[in-house]
C-alpha cells in the first residue's frame, strides 16, 4: 500500500548549535514530508504531517532502547535540552524520525543521523576552578 511516506527526513540533520541560555538547548530539523515513497503528492486533506522524533544508542531503532524526544511535532524543527533528555555524554547517539498523517498512516523510521554528545564544561565557580585570578582580586 502506498501509505508508506517518503521521509525527506532522510535529510534529517541536526543543527545542534547551542542557544544562549542556561539550558543546553539544541535544535534538530528536517525537510518537510510532502510525498509518498512512489513520489505522488500527499493530499492536502491529510495535512498536517506529524513528526515523532527519537534517539537511540544504536542505529536499528528497535525496542528497547528507543528514547522519545517529541511526539506530534508539526514544525520542521524542534528545540530540545540535551540535559533534560538524558543524553549520554561523550558518546555517539543516533536521531531518527517517523511521519504520521491525519488518517493514521505512519512512515518507517528515517535513516539514523549520528551525533557525538559533547562533555559539559565545568560550571562557573566549581571549587578548584576560580572565576577570577588572584591578581584581579587585589587591585
Protein backbone atom coordinates (compact mmCIF):
# COMPACT_ATOMS: atom_id res chain seq x y z
CA UNK A 1 0.00 0.00 0.00
CA UNK A 2 1.34 3.40 -0.85
CA UNK A 3 0.73 4.82 2.61
CA UNK A 4 4.42 4.42 3.40
CA UNK A 5 5.62 8.01 3.45
CA UNK A 6 8.73 9.16 1.71
CA UNK A 7 10.63 10.71 4.52
CA UNK A 8 12.65 13.55 3.29
CA UNK A 9 13.75 13.21 6.87
CA UNK A 10 16.50 11.07 5.39
CA UNK A 11 17.94 14.53 5.12
CA UNK A 12 17.43 14.61 8.85
CA UNK A 13 20.17 16.73 10.20
CA UNK A 14 20.96 18.20 13.49
CA UNK A 15 21.92 21.83 13.63
CA UNK A 16 22.97 21.25 17.21
CA UNK A 17 24.14 24.72 17.89
CA UNK A 18 23.66 25.99 21.38
CA UNK A 19 21.14 28.72 22.00
CA UNK A 20 22.39 31.28 24.50
CA UNK A 21 20.74 30.34 27.79
CA UNK A 22 21.47 28.46 30.97
CA UNK A 23 19.94 25.29 29.50
CA UNK A 24 21.74 23.16 26.97
CA UNK A 25 19.27 23.71 24.14
CA UNK A 26 19.88 22.09 20.76
CA UNK A 27 17.87 22.17 17.56
CA UNK A 28 17.06 19.24 15.32
CA UNK A 29 15.49 19.98 11.95
CA UNK A 30 14.43 18.17 8.80
CA UNK A 31 12.87 18.64 5.37
CA UNK A 32 9.06 18.51 5.25
CA UNK A 33 7.34 15.35 4.06
CA UNK A 34 5.16 16.08 1.03
CA UNK A 35 5.10 12.81 -0.97
CA UNK A 36 4.65 9.07 -0.59
CA UNK A 37 7.50 6.70 -1.45
CA UNK A 38 6.23 6.49 -5.06
CA UNK A 39 6.61 10.31 -5.34
CA UNK A 40 2.88 11.01 -5.52
CA UNK A 41 1.87 14.04 -3.51
CA UNK A 42 0.12 13.61 -0.18
CA UNK A 43 -3.39 15.13 -0.47
CA UNK A 44 -3.82 18.37 1.45
CA UNK A 45 -6.75 16.79 3.32
CA UNK A 46 -4.22 14.59 5.17
CA UNK A 47 -2.17 17.50 6.47
CA UNK A 48 -0.68 18.47 8.83
CA UNK A 49 2.08 15.88 8.93
CA UNK A 50 3.05 14.96 12.49
CA UNK A 51 6.69 14.12 13.23
CA UNK A 52 7.80 11.82 16.03
CA UNK A 53 11.50 12.29 16.88
CA UNK A 54 13.59 9.68 18.71
CA UNK A 55 17.16 8.98 19.79
CA UNK A 56 18.96 5.70 20.45
CA UNK A 57 22.44 4.42 21.17
CA UNK A 58 22.13 2.08 18.14
CA UNK A 59 21.09 2.62 14.53
CA UNK A 60 18.39 -0.06 14.38
CA UNK A 61 15.74 1.76 16.46
CA UNK A 62 14.28 -1.42 17.92
CA UNK A 63 12.69 -1.68 21.36
CA UNK A 64 14.01 -1.47 23.99
CA UNK A 65 16.43 1.36 23.63
CA UNK A 66 14.40 3.97 21.77
CA UNK A 67 14.01 7.26 23.60
CA UNK A 68 11.34 9.78 22.62
CA UNK A 69 12.25 13.43 22.16
CA UNK A 70 8.86 14.62 20.86
CA UNK A 71 5.63 13.10 19.54
CA UNK A 72 3.38 15.01 17.18
CA UNK A 73 5.63 17.92 16.20
CA UNK A 74 4.08 19.83 13.28
CA UNK A 75 7.03 22.15 12.63
CA UNK A 76 10.14 21.07 10.71
CA UNK A 77 12.38 21.73 13.68
CA UNK A 78 12.33 21.02 17.38
CA UNK A 79 14.38 22.57 20.18
CA UNK A 80 15.30 20.19 22.98
CA UNK A 81 17.50 20.26 26.07
CA UNK A 82 20.25 17.62 25.98
CA UNK A 83 20.37 17.53 29.80
CA UNK A 84 16.61 17.08 30.22
CA UNK A 85 16.60 14.35 27.55
CA UNK A 86 19.31 12.50 29.49
CA UNK A 87 21.63 12.18 26.51
CA UNK A 88 24.75 10.21 27.49
CA UNK A 89 27.86 12.39 27.49
CA UNK A 90 30.92 11.77 25.34
CA UNK A 91 29.28 9.10 23.25
CA UNK A 92 27.63 8.86 19.83
CA UNK A 93 23.86 8.71 19.70
CA UNK A 94 21.54 8.45 16.72
CA UNK A 95 18.46 10.51 15.86
CA UNK A 96 15.60 9.27 13.71
CA UNK A 97 12.02 10.24 12.99
CA UNK A 98 8.74 8.93 11.71
CA UNK A 99 6.00 10.90 9.98
CA UNK A 100 2.26 10.42 10.57
CA UNK A 101 -0.69 11.67 8.56
CA UNK A 102 -4.10 12.58 9.93
CA UNK A 103 -5.51 9.29 8.54
CA UNK A 104 -3.09 7.35 10.76
CA UNK A 105 -0.62 6.31 8.04
CA UNK A 106 2.87 6.13 9.56
CA UNK A 107 6.22 6.01 7.82
CA UNK A 108 9.14 3.78 8.58
CA UNK A 109 11.97 5.27 10.63
CA UNK A 110 14.14 7.69 8.67
CA UNK A 111 17.81 6.73 8.30
CA UNK A 112 19.66 7.37 11.55
CA UNK A 113 21.72 10.52 11.97
CA UNK A 114 24.77 10.23 14.24
CA UNK A 115 25.71 12.94 16.74
CA UNK A 116 28.55 12.92 19.28
CA UNK A 117 27.22 14.30 22.57
CA UNK A 118 29.88 16.63 23.97
CA UNK A 119 31.01 16.71 27.57
CA UNK A 120 29.61 19.51 29.67
CA UNK A 121 32.00 22.32 30.53
CA UNK A 122 32.58 22.69 34.29
CA UNK A 123 30.04 25.02 35.89
CA UNK A 124 31.21 28.51 36.83
CA UNK A 125 32.51 28.69 40.39
CA UNK A 126 33.28 24.98 40.85
CA UNK A 127 35.80 24.52 43.70
CA UNK A 128 39.29 24.43 42.24
CA UNK A 129 38.12 26.40 39.19
CA UNK A 130 38.41 30.09 40.22
CA UNK A 131 36.19 32.56 38.41
CA UNK A 132 38.81 35.32 38.72
CA UNK A 133 42.54 35.05 39.10
CA UNK A 134 44.09 36.39 42.32
CA UNK A 135 45.72 39.38 40.57
CA UNK A 136 42.35 40.77 39.58
CA UNK A 137 41.04 40.47 43.15
CA UNK A 138 43.67 42.80 44.66
CA UNK A 139 43.82 45.97 42.59
